[in-house]
Amino acid sequence: MSPPQPSFSYRVRTQMTSLPRLLTAVLAVVLLTMPAAAHASASLETGIADDAAVLYEPSDAKAAATVAQWAALGIDDVRIFAQWQAIAPANSDVRAPAGFNSADPNSPGYDWSRVDRAVNLVSAAGMHPMLVVTGPGPVWASQVPGRHNVRYKPRPDLFGQFARAAALRYAGAVDRWIIWNEPNLPLWLQPQNTCKGKSCTPYAPHLYSRLVRAAYPAIKTVDPTSTVLFGALAPNGENSTKQNARTRPLAFIRSMGCVKVTLKRDRSGPCKGFKPLTADGLAYHPHATKLAPNEQQAVLDNVSIGDLPRLERTLDATQRAGGLKKAGAGKFPLYFTEWGYQTQPPDRTRGVSLAKQSRYLQQGAYIAYRDPRVRLLTQYEWRDERVRRSTGGDPYAGWQSGLRFVNDKAKPALKSFANPFFIDQRPGSRTARLWGQVRPGVTHRVTVQRRKAGARRWTTVKALSTNGSGYWTLRQTVKATADYRFRWQPADQYGAPTGAVKTSDVLRVRVKRTR
């Protein structure tokens, strides 16, 4: 029997009345001035993820102001962590509190306050919250609590109860869930391997499969219409020569599905008596570090945004072999729940220039858009983390992939974030595909313009309308090197102008002269 649970809509109303007046005022302005968000199932959604900006921001007013900026940029979805350890009681104890019921969101000791505020703010601003139910968990939820390692072998049964509690808490407010974050990294799940000397076999993929098999039905029982994703894998790994070596994502998928490198079923060792996990889609983090979005990883089991065919082939082959089961017919859709480029400044080791960040984010958005399996592209993050030295000696630890620096100053990428523009032209081709988006996602009129090389005057190529999510494409024959841009008049959902005419970045199409 389900534990008694107040309706979420009631909690939203009661909690919103307790927020400071400034917070309520900021949200009211957003809701009155922004166009209604569009969520076309056939169009790429835009997300953002930055828990420091909303979940852990101590100021209600500052968190609300950040959410207001996201809404004004036409964000569709906001990823929010529901981290087990941060919500459960007595998280450093080897035993759960007496009488505590992990499956009941109202059980004394659970603290949902941070997630409540984040979900309330995002929902009130017209965006969709998507929750990551993830570890690390409390010490008492480990299979070996005496190790006092919150990442070590979490118990699937207790995690399933936590997932059920979260689903009950946010039923009606959240309809997209992600099970665990980056389980192929030891930062989130341990051990990655079991080893004898330097001979190691995968452990984390099989443990993660059990975690999904516990959490998926727990959430679906509460909300059968919700979308529950597995994966959320990091894009890079290393050779499995030690217990907590990072596991490469494609190797993780194969091991999770008990499929060999040959893509044939593996029935040995931990794969004896194998049961496949069931999910509705794959979450993934296709960060490319310094590679351009169209460049491929040198190591075949690592996957960035330029390696999507390889990711899809492995995923599909594992599904065909019976290693993964999709709820419903067809192949797994892809949800990119983290994606971004760190910048230099401030990161001198893994950062790209500010100009490249802006250009690469727009190109990556186009790559995601043109792949019909990709449903979501999530910018990670909004604001840089502070540069710090890690315990391992990395002088640029943390993430600096924000659209703003840590002092809140905007990077150039922020200007183009809501109106990406890319020109797809194959080498030597005289045909180019121009692509762009205007957000917030309603139908807009855009004017595509061209300027000959060396000229000052812009001429109109074509005026056209976007689709309901703000996307447009145009095939163009190019006869000479020229610059292109597009312009548009911001408008509300009724078509009324809301500000001055805006202009995209300027891109150049080069055509080699033939003798």
Protein backbone atom coordinates (compact mmCIF):
# COMPACT_ATOMS: atom_id res chain seq x y z
CA MET A 1 0.00 0.00 0.00
CA SER A 2 1.33 3.44 -0.89
CA PRO A 3 2.13 5.69 2.06
CA PRO A 4 -0.05 8.79 2.39
CA GLN A 5 1.27 11.60 0.23
CA PRO A 6 0.05 15.20 -0.09
CA SER A 7 -0.43 16.41 -3.64
CA PHE A 8 2.56 18.18 -5.09
CA SER A 9 0.41 21.03 -6.36
CA TYR A 10 -0.52 21.77 -2.75
CA ARG A 11 3.14 21.81 -1.72
CA VAL A 12 3.97 24.17 -4.56
CA ARG A 13 1.33 26.66 -3.41
CA THR A 14 2.21 26.49 0.27
CA GLN A 15 5.95 26.71 -0.27
CA MET A 16 5.70 29.51 -2.80
CA THR A 17 3.77 31.66 -0.31
CA SER A 18 6.63 31.29 2.16
CA LEU A 19 9.29 32.53 -0.28
CA PRO A 20 10.51 36.11 -0.04
CA ARG A 21 8.47 38.71 -1.91
CA LEU A 22 11.39 39.45 -4.22
CA LEU A 23 11.47 35.81 -5.32
CA THR A 24 7.76 35.81 -6.12
CA ALA A 25 8.07 39.14 -7.93
CA VAL A 26 10.90 37.92 -10.16
CA LEU A 27 8.93 34.85 -11.19
CA ALA A 28 5.82 36.91 -11.80
CA VAL A 29 7.69 39.16 -14.22
CA VAL A 30 9.07 36.14 -16.07
CA LEU A 31 5.67 34.51 -16.43
CA LEU A 32 4.07 37.71 -17.71
CA THR A 33 6.75 38.59 -20.26
CA MET A 34 8.04 35.30 -21.67
CA PRO A 35 6.38 33.38 -24.53
CA ALA A 36 4.92 29.99 -23.67
CA ALA A 37 7.54 27.23 -23.97
CA ALA A 38 7.14 24.94 -26.97
CA HIS A 39 7.72 21.21 -26.64
CA ALA A 40 7.40 19.67 -30.10
CA SER A 41 8.11 15.94 -29.84
CA ALA A 42 9.86 15.95 -33.23
CA SER A 43 12.17 18.84 -32.32
CA LEU A 44 15.32 19.01 -30.27
CA GLU A 45 14.75 20.29 -26.73
CA THR A 46 17.23 22.58 -24.99
CA GLY A 47 18.19 21.93 -21.39
CA ILE A 48 20.51 23.34 -18.77
CA ALA A 49 22.18 21.81 -15.71
CA ASP A 50 23.82 23.73 -12.88
CA ASP A 51 22.90 22.61 -9.38
CA ALA A 52 25.19 25.18 -7.79
CA ALA A 53 23.10 27.93 -9.35
CA VAL A 54 19.72 26.69 -8.12
CA LEU A 55 19.86 23.62 -5.88
CA TYR A 56 22.69 24.80 -3.62
CA GLU A 57 22.37 28.58 -4.03
CA PRO A 58 21.67 29.93 -0.49
CA SER A 59 19.78 33.01 -1.72
CA ASP A 60 16.19 32.40 -2.80
CA ALA A 61 16.23 35.67 -4.74
CA LYS A 62 19.43 34.85 -6.63
CA ALA A 63 18.17 31.35 -7.48
CA ALA A 64 14.93 32.84 -8.78
CA ALA A 65 16.81 35.43 -10.84
CA THR A 66 18.89 32.68 -12.43
CA VAL A 67 15.79 30.65 -13.30
CA ALA A 68 14.26 33.79 -14.80
CA GLN A 69 17.26 34.18 -17.09
CA TRP A 70 16.97 30.54 -18.17
CA ALA A 71 13.29 30.99 -19.00
CA ALA A 72 14.05 34.13 -21.03
CA LEU A 73 16.62 32.12 -23.04
CA GLY A 74 13.95 29.62 -24.04
CA ILE A 75 15.23 26.69 -21.97
CA ASP A 76 12.85 23.74 -22.11
CA ASP A 77 14.25 21.43 -19.42
CA VAL A 78 16.33 21.82 -16.26
CA ARG A 79 18.26 18.87 -14.89
CA ILE A 80 18.23 18.68 -11.08
CA PHE A 81 20.04 16.22 -8.81
CA ALA A 82 18.09 14.32 -6.18
CA GLN A 83 21.20 12.96 -4.48
CA TRP A 84 20.49 10.12 -2.09
CA GLN A 85 23.16 11.02 0.45
CA ALA A 86 22.05 14.66 0.65
CA ILE A 87 18.39 13.77 1.23
CA ALA A 88 18.53 10.64 3.43
CA PRO A 89 18.99 10.86 7.22
CA ALA A 90 22.04 9.78 9.25
CA ASN A 91 24.06 9.52 6.07
CA SER A 92 27.36 8.80 7.84
CA ASP A 93 25.96 6.09 10.13
CA VAL A 94 26.28 2.36 9.47
CA ARG A 95 22.60 1.83 10.33
CA ALA A 96 19.52 3.67 9.18
CA PRO A 97 17.54 5.39 11.95
CA ALA A 98 15.14 3.10 13.79
CA GLY A 99 11.74 3.09 12.12
CA PHE A 100 12.93 4.92 9.00
CA ASN A 101 11.06 3.88 5.84
CA SER A 102 13.12 4.56 2.71
CA ALA A 103 10.13 4.14 0.41
CA ASP A 104 8.05 6.82 2.18
CA PRO A 105 8.94 10.39 1.19
CA ASN A 106 7.33 11.62 4.41
CA SER A 107 9.36 9.35 6.67
CA PRO A 108 11.00 11.50 9.40
CA GLY A 109 14.59 12.29 8.48
CA TYR A 110 14.21 12.79 4.75
CA ASP A 111 15.11 16.36 3.72
CA TRP A 112 13.72 17.29 0.31
CA SER A 113 13.84 21.05 0.86
CA ARG A 114 16.52 21.91 -1.70
CA VAL A 115 14.96 19.77 -4.41
CA ASP A 116 11.50 21.13 -3.54
CA ARG A 117 12.68 24.70 -4.09
CA ALA A 118 14.42 23.88 -7.37
CA VAL A 119 11.44 21.98 -8.76
CA ASN A 120 9.05 24.74 -7.67
CA LEU A 121 11.12 27.49 -9.25
CA VAL A 122 11.61 25.66 -12.54
CA SER A 123 7.96 24.60 -12.82
CA ALA A 124 6.66 28.07 -11.94
CA ALA A 125 8.81 29.56 -14.73
CA GLY A 126 7.23 27.25 -17.33
CA MET A 127 10.15 24.85 -17.74
CA HIS A 128 10.29 21.09 -17.15
CA PRO A 129 12.32 19.77 -14.22
CA MET A 130 14.01 16.41 -14.83
CA LEU A 131 15.40 14.64 -11.79
CA VAL A 132 18.52 12.53 -11.50
CA VAL A 133 18.01 10.04 -8.67
CA THR A 134 21.60 9.22 -7.88
CA GLY A 135 24.20 8.26 -5.35
CA PRO A 136 26.41 8.42 -3.56
CA GLY A 137 24.05 7.18 -0.92
CA PRO A 138 24.25 7.10 2.88
CA VAL A 139 26.82 4.80 4.48
CA TRP A 140 24.05 2.53 5.77
CA ALA A 141 22.90 1.88 2.18
CA SER A 142 26.20 0.25 1.20
CA GLN A 143 26.42 -3.54 1.01
CA VAL A 144 29.50 -3.16 3.23
CA PRO A 145 28.71 -0.21 5.51
CA GLY A 146 31.73 -0.93 7.69
CA ARG A 147 33.96 0.48 4.93
CA HIS A 148 32.39 3.93 5.43
CA ASN A 149 32.59 4.46 1.68
CA VAL A 150 29.38 6.01 0.36
CA ARG A 151 30.22 5.03 -3.23
CA TYR A 152 30.96 1.37 -2.52
CA LYS A 153 28.40 -1.20 -3.64
CA PRO A 154 25.10 0.59 -2.93
CA ARG A 155 22.24 -1.79 -2.22
CA PRO A 156 19.85 -1.93 -5.19
CA ASP A 157 16.85 -2.71 -2.97
CA LEU A 158 17.35 0.40 -0.84
CA PHE A 159 18.04 2.54 -3.91
CA GLY A 160 14.79 1.33 -5.45
CA GLN A 161 12.98 2.45 -2.30
CA PHE A 162 14.61 5.88 -2.51
CA ALA A 163 13.58 6.17 -6.17
CA ARG A 164 10.01 5.29 -5.22
CA ALA A 165 10.02 7.94 -2.49
CA ALA A 166 11.25 10.56 -4.96
CA ALA A 167 8.62 9.55 -7.51
CA LEU A 168 5.88 9.86 -4.89
CA ARG A 169 7.20 13.21 -3.73
CA TYR A 170 7.24 14.75 -7.20
CA ALA A 171 4.41 12.91 -8.92
CA GLY A 172 2.65 15.36 -11.21
CA ALA A 173 5.59 17.78 -11.26
CA VAL A 174 8.35 15.63 -12.77
CA ASP A 175 7.82 13.31 -15.72
CA ARG A 176 11.42 12.61 -16.77
CA TRP A 177 13.86 10.71 -14.57
CA ILE A 178 17.51 9.72 -14.91
CA ILE A 179 18.86 6.77 -12.93
CA TRP A 180 22.25 7.57 -11.40
CA ASN A 181 24.91 9.94 -12.67
CA GLU A 182 28.03 8.80 -14.54
CA PRO A 183 28.15 5.25 -13.16
CA ASN A 184 31.24 4.58 -15.29
CA LEU A 185 33.29 6.88 -13.05
CA PRO A 186 34.56 5.94 -9.55
CA LEU A 187 33.55 9.40 -8.34
CA TRP A 188 29.96 8.11 -8.48
CA LEU A 189 30.12 4.32 -8.25
CA GLN A 190 32.69 1.87 -6.83
CA PRO A 191 34.28 -0.47 -7.45
CA GLN A 192 34.50 -0.16 -11.22
CA ASN A 193 36.31 -3.51 -11.47
CA THR A 194 37.27 -6.54 -9.45
CA CYS A 195 40.98 -7.23 -9.85
CA LYS A 196 43.57 -9.86 -9.14
CA GLY A 197 46.84 -8.11 -9.73
CA LYS A 198 46.42 -6.29 -13.04
CA SER A 199 43.82 -8.74 -14.30
CA CYS A 200 40.48 -6.97 -13.88
CA THR A 201 36.88 -7.77 -14.79
CA PRO A 202 34.03 -5.22 -14.89
CA TYR A 203 31.94 -4.89 -11.76
CA ALA A 204 30.21 -1.47 -11.93
CA PRO A 205 28.23 -2.20 -15.12
CA HIS A 206 26.58 -5.24 -13.53
CA LEU A 207 25.89 -3.39 -10.27
CA TYR A 208 24.45 -0.48 -12.21
CA SER A 209 22.16 -2.82 -14.14
CA ARG A 210 20.76 -4.05 -10.81
CA LEU A 211 20.28 -0.45 -9.63
CA VAL A 212 18.28 0.32 -12.78
CA ARG A 213 16.24 -2.86 -12.47
CA ALA A 214 15.28 -1.76 -8.95
CA ALA A 215 14.61 1.93 -9.67
CA TYR A 216 12.81 1.71 -13.02
CA PRO A 217 9.75 -0.24 -11.80
CA ALA A 218 9.73 1.77 -8.56
CA ILE A 219 9.25 4.99 -10.53
CA LYS A 220 6.94 3.50 -13.16
CA THR A 221 4.63 2.05 -10.53
CA VAL A 222 4.04 5.58 -9.25
CA ASP A 223 3.92 7.28 -12.66
CA PRO A 224 3.49 4.84 -15.57
CA THR A 225 3.57 7.65 -18.17
CA SER A 226 6.90 9.09 -17.05
CA THR A 227 10.11 8.73 -19.08
CA VAL A 228 12.87 6.92 -17.20
CA LEU A 229 16.38 7.03 -18.64
CA PHE A 230 19.47 4.95 -17.93
CA GLY A 231 23.12 5.69 -18.59
CA ALA A 232 24.13 9.32 -17.99
CA LEU A 233 27.59 8.03 -18.93
CA ALA A 234 30.75 10.12 -19.03
CA PRO A 235 32.40 10.15 -22.48
CA ASN A 236 35.92 9.02 -21.55
CA GLY A 237 37.54 6.14 -19.71
CA GLU A 238 40.81 4.25 -19.47
CA ASN A 239 42.25 0.75 -19.54
CA SER A 240 40.77 -1.47 -16.82
CA THR A 241 44.01 -2.23 -14.99
CA LYS A 242 42.93 -1.23 -11.50
CA GLN A 243 39.90 -1.45 -9.27
CA ASN A 244 38.67 2.08 -9.84
CA ALA A 245 39.85 2.84 -13.34
CA ARG A 246 37.29 4.90 -15.24
CA THR A 247 35.30 2.62 -17.55
CA ARG A 248 34.99 3.63 -21.19
CA PRO A 249 31.31 4.23 -22.08
CA LEU A 250 30.93 1.69 -24.89
CA ALA A 251 32.69 -0.97 -22.82
CA PHE A 252 30.31 -0.11 -19.98
CA ILE A 253 27.26 -0.53 -22.23
CA ARG A 254 28.47 -3.90 -23.52
CA SER A 255 29.28 -5.19 -20.03
CA MET A 256 25.97 -3.90 -18.67
CA GLY A 257 24.20 -5.87 -21.38
CA CYS A 258 26.46 -8.94 -21.06
CA VAL A 259 27.66 -8.55 -24.63
CA LYS A 260 31.20 -9.27 -25.77
CA VAL A 261 33.38 -7.01 -27.91
CA THR A 262 32.16 -9.13 -30.84
CA LEU A 263 28.62 -8.02 -29.86
CA LYS A 264 27.63 -11.63 -29.13
CA ARG A 265 26.01 -12.57 -25.82
CA ASP A 266 28.30 -13.37 -22.91
CA ARG A 267 26.96 -16.10 -20.59
CA SER A 268 29.99 -16.53 -18.35
CA GLY A 269 30.95 -15.20 -14.90
CA PRO A 270 28.59 -12.44 -13.68
CA CYS A 271 26.52 -12.90 -16.86
CA LYS A 272 25.23 -16.32 -15.78
CA GLY A 273 21.49 -15.97 -15.20
CA PHE A 274 21.59 -12.50 -16.78
CA LYS A 275 18.47 -10.30 -16.76
CA PRO A 276 18.42 -7.20 -18.98
CA LEU A 277 17.48 -3.81 -17.63
CA THR A 278 14.47 -1.99 -19.06
CA ALA A 279 14.42 1.75 -19.78
CA ASP A 280 12.78 4.34 -22.02
CA GLY A 281 15.92 5.99 -23.38
CA LEU A 282 19.64 6.56 -22.91
CA ALA A 283 21.01 9.61 -21.13
CA TYR A 284 24.54 10.51 -22.18
CA HIS A 285 27.22 13.21 -21.66
CA PRO A 286 28.98 13.72 -25.03
CA HIS A 287 31.60 16.25 -23.85
CA ALA A 288 34.41 16.63 -26.38
CA THR A 289 37.03 18.45 -24.21
CA LYS A 290 39.17 20.21 -26.86
CA LEU A 291 37.94 18.31 -29.91
CA ALA A 292 35.69 20.15 -32.34
CA PRO A 293 32.15 18.74 -32.33
CA ASN A 294 32.65 16.97 -35.66
CA GLU A 295 35.96 15.37 -34.65
CA GLN A 296 36.09 11.75 -33.52
CA GLN A 297 37.76 10.22 -30.50
CA ALA A 298 40.95 8.24 -31.17
CA VAL A 299 39.96 5.54 -28.67
CA LEU A 300 37.00 3.67 -30.12
CA ASP A 301 35.25 2.92 -26.81
CA ASN A 302 35.19 6.62 -25.89
CA VAL A 303 32.35 8.67 -27.40
CA SER A 304 31.94 12.42 -27.82
CA ILE A 305 29.32 14.24 -29.86
CA GLY A 306 31.29 13.55 -33.04
CA ASP A 307 31.03 9.78 -32.48
CA LEU A 308 27.24 9.34 -32.38
CA PRO A 309 27.09 6.64 -35.09
CA ARG A 310 29.44 4.49 -33.02
CA LEU A 311 27.38 5.02 -29.87
CA GLU A 312 24.18 4.13 -31.70
CA ARG A 313 25.66 1.01 -33.31
CA THR A 314 26.84 -0.35 -29.95
CA LEU A 315 23.56 0.51 -28.25
CA ASP A 316 21.48 -1.08 -31.02
CA ALA A 317 23.63 -4.21 -31.23
CA THR A 318 23.42 -4.70 -27.47
CA GLN A 319 19.64 -4.29 -27.65
CA ARG A 320 19.37 -6.78 -30.53
CA ALA A 321 21.44 -9.30 -28.57
CA GLY A 322 18.96 -9.10 -25.70
CA GLY A 323 21.29 -7.18 -23.40
CA LEU A 324 19.04 -4.13 -23.08
CA LYS A 325 15.27 -3.85 -23.26
CA LYS A 326 13.41 -0.76 -24.37
CA ALA A 327 9.91 -0.22 -23.06
CA GLY A 328 7.85 -0.15 -26.24
CA ALA A 329 8.98 -0.75 -29.79
CA GLY A 330 11.93 0.73 -31.59
CA LYS A 331 15.42 1.88 -30.71
CA PHE A 332 16.50 3.86 -27.66
CA PRO A 333 16.21 7.63 -28.10
CA LEU A 334 19.15 9.71 -26.86
CA TYR A 335 19.02 12.46 -24.25
CA PHE A 336 22.20 14.47 -23.81
CA THR A 337 21.88 15.52 -20.18
CA GLU A 338 25.29 17.25 -20.05
CA TRP A 339 27.24 18.95 -22.82
CA GLY A 340 29.67 21.84 -22.82
CA TYR A 341 33.16 23.20 -23.38
CA GLN A 342 35.45 24.47 -20.64
CA THR A 343 37.18 27.72 -21.53
CA GLN A 344 40.59 29.33 -21.28
CA PRO A 345 40.42 31.58 -19.43
CA PRO A 346 40.31 30.26 -16.80
CA ASP A 347 41.20 26.58 -17.46
CA ARG A 348 44.64 26.46 -19.08
CA THR A 349 44.74 22.67 -19.41
CA ARG A 350 41.34 21.58 -20.77
CA GLY A 351 39.81 24.87 -21.88
CA VAL A 352 39.22 26.11 -25.41
CA SER A 353 39.24 29.79 -26.33
CA LEU A 354 36.12 31.84 -25.64
CA ALA A 355 35.53 32.19 -29.39
CA LYS A 356 35.80 28.43 -29.91
CA GLN A 357 33.36 27.75 -27.07
CA SER A 358 30.75 29.90 -28.78
CA ARG A 359 31.39 28.36 -32.20
CA TYR A 360 31.57 24.76 -30.94
CA LEU A 361 28.36 25.01 -28.93
CA GLN A 362 26.48 26.17 -32.02
CA GLN A 363 27.99 23.45 -34.20
CA GLY A 364 27.20 20.81 -31.58
CA ALA A 365 23.59 21.99 -31.42
CA TYR A 366 23.34 21.46 -35.18
CA ILE A 367 24.84 17.96 -34.94
CA ALA A 368 22.33 17.03 -32.24
CA TYR A 369 19.45 18.55 -34.23
CA ARG A 370 20.18 16.62 -37.41
CA ASP A 371 20.20 13.24 -35.59
CA PRO A 372 16.53 12.22 -35.25
CA ARG A 373 17.29 10.05 -32.23
CA VAL A 374 18.55 12.95 -30.13
CA ARG A 375 15.70 14.45 -28.12
CA LEU A 376 17.58 16.79 -25.77
CA LEU A 377 20.82 18.80 -25.60
CA THR A 378 21.66 20.12 -22.12
CA GLN A 379 24.16 22.92 -21.55
CA TYR A 380 26.47 22.19 -18.62
CA GLU A 381 26.81 24.59 -16.86
CA TRP A 382 25.46 28.13 -16.38
CA ARG A 383 28.23 29.64 -14.27
CA ASP A 384 31.85 28.51 -13.92
CA GLU A 385 32.94 26.80 -10.74
CA ARG A 386 35.84 28.37 -8.91
CA VAL A 387 39.26 27.25 -10.06
CA ARG A 388 40.85 25.11 -7.37
CA ARG A 389 43.68 22.64 -6.97
CA SER A 390 42.52 19.06 -6.53
CA THR A 391 43.95 16.60 -4.02
CA GLY A 392 45.65 14.94 -6.98
CA GLY A 393 47.46 18.15 -7.86
CA ASP A 394 45.31 19.33 -10.79
CA PRO A 395 45.55 23.16 -10.64
CA TYR A 396 42.33 23.54 -12.64
CA ALA A 397 39.94 21.18 -10.92
CA GLY A 398 36.20 21.68 -11.10
CA TRP A 399 34.34 22.73 -14.24
CA GLN A 400 34.63 26.00 -16.12
CA SER A 401 32.18 25.32 -18.97
CA GLY A 402 29.67 27.98 -17.97
CA LEU A 403 28.12 30.61 -20.18
CA ARG A 404 29.21 33.00 -17.44
CA PHE A 405 32.44 33.31 -15.51
CA VAL A 406 32.42 32.68 -11.76
CA ASN A 407 31.98 36.45 -11.21
CA ASP A 408 28.80 36.30 -13.35
CA LYS A 409 30.34 38.17 -16.29
CA ALA A 410 28.92 36.84 -19.56
CA LYS A 411 31.12 34.88 -21.96
CA PRO A 412 30.66 35.45 -25.72
CA ALA A 413 28.82 32.10 -25.97
CA LEU A 414 25.90 33.51 -23.97
CA LYS A 415 25.04 35.93 -26.78
CA SER A 416 24.58 33.13 -29.32
CA PHE A 417 23.20 30.48 -26.96
CA ALA A 418 19.51 31.25 -27.64
CA ASN A 419 20.05 31.76 -31.37
CA PRO A 420 22.59 29.21 -32.64
CA PHE A 421 23.65 29.45 -36.26
CA PHE A 422 25.67 26.97 -38.32
CA ILE A 423 26.50 26.42 -41.98
CA ASP A 424 27.06 22.83 -43.09
CA GLN A 425 29.16 22.74 -46.23
CA ARG A 426 31.15 19.72 -47.35
CA PRO A 427 34.67 20.39 -48.70
CA GLY A 428 34.53 21.34 -52.37
CA SER A 429 30.73 21.54 -52.44
CA ARG A 430 28.89 24.50 -53.95
CA THR A 431 25.82 23.71 -51.84
CA ALA A 432 25.50 24.62 -48.17
CA ARG A 433 22.84 24.00 -45.57
CA LEU A 434 22.16 27.01 -43.35
CA TRP A 435 20.59 26.21 -39.99
CA GLY A 436 19.55 28.21 -36.98
CA GLN A 437 17.15 28.63 -34.11
CA VAL A 438 15.39 31.50 -32.38
CA ARG A 439 14.32 30.95 -28.80
CA PRO A 440 12.05 31.03 -26.88
CA GLY A 441 10.59 28.41 -29.17
CA VAL A 442 7.60 29.87 -30.94
CA THR A 443 7.17 30.55 -34.66
CA HIS A 444 9.33 33.48 -35.77
CA ARG A 445 10.00 35.20 -39.08
CA VAL A 446 13.73 35.29 -39.89
CA THR A 447 15.59 36.98 -42.70
CA VAL A 448 18.72 35.28 -44.02
CA GLN A 449 21.24 37.77 -45.40
CA ARG A 450 24.45 37.59 -47.43
CA ARG A 451 27.39 39.95 -47.85
CA LYS A 452 29.97 39.44 -50.57
CA ALA A 453 33.58 39.16 -49.46
CA GLY A 454 35.04 42.64 -49.04
CA ALA A 455 31.64 44.37 -49.30
CA ARG A 456 29.77 46.32 -46.62
CA ARG A 457 26.21 45.94 -47.84
CA TRP A 458 24.00 43.03 -46.78
CA THR A 459 21.38 41.67 -49.18
CA THR A 460 18.40 39.46 -48.37
CA VAL A 461 18.68 35.84 -49.45
CA LYS A 462 15.31 34.73 -48.16
CA ALA A 463 12.70 35.47 -45.51
CA LEU A 464 11.19 32.39 -43.91
CA SER A 465 9.33 31.14 -40.86
CA THR A 466 10.72 28.88 -38.16
CA ASN A 467 8.92 25.81 -36.92
CA GLY A 468 7.14 25.86 -33.57
CA SER A 469 10.39 25.27 -31.70
CA GLY A 470 12.16 28.12 -33.43
CA TYR A 471 14.26 26.05 -35.88
CA TRP A 472 14.80 26.85 -39.54
CA THR A 473 16.93 25.43 -42.35
CA LEU A 474 17.78 26.67 -45.83
CA ARG A 475 19.72 25.02 -48.66
CA GLN A 476 21.76 27.55 -50.56
CA THR A 477 23.88 27.37 -53.70
CA VAL A 478 27.10 29.28 -53.08
CA LYS A 479 29.01 30.66 -56.05
CA ALA A 480 31.54 32.85 -54.28
CA THR A 481 33.02 33.40 -50.85
CA ALA A 482 30.53 35.36 -48.74
CA ASP A 483 29.38 36.08 -45.20
CA TYR A 484 25.96 35.01 -43.93
CA ARG A 485 23.81 35.96 -40.97
CA PHE A 486 20.16 35.90 -39.99
CA ARG A 487 17.99 38.53 -38.33
CA TRP A 488 14.66 38.35 -36.57
CA GLN A 489 12.14 40.42 -34.70
CA PRO A 490 11.52 39.03 -31.18
CA ALA A 491 7.84 38.46 -30.61
CA ASP A 492 5.53 37.02 -27.98
CA GLN A 493 3.27 34.01 -28.47
CA TYR A 494 0.71 36.24 -30.18
CA GLY A 495 3.19 37.61 -32.72
CA ALA A 496 3.46 41.05 -31.12
CA PRO A 497 6.99 42.58 -31.27
CA THR A 498 8.80 42.55 -27.92
CA GLY A 499 12.05 44.38 -28.66
CA ALA A 500 14.59 45.52 -31.20
CA VAL A 501 15.58 43.42 -34.20
CA LYS A 502 18.34 40.96 -33.31
CA THR A 503 21.19 39.54 -35.39
CA SER A 504 22.99 36.19 -35.25
CA ASP A 505 26.72 35.59 -35.45
CA VAL A 506 28.28 36.15 -38.87
CA LEU A 507 29.61 33.03 -40.61
CA ARG A 508 31.73 32.84 -43.76
CA VAL A 509 31.27 30.36 -46.60
CA ARG A 510 34.44 29.94 -48.62
CA VAL A 511 34.47 28.88 -52.26
CA LYS A 512 37.72 28.06 -53.99
CA ARG A 513 38.15 29.52 -57.45
CA THR A 514 38.61 26.98 -60.20
CA ARG A 515 40.86 27.64 -63.16
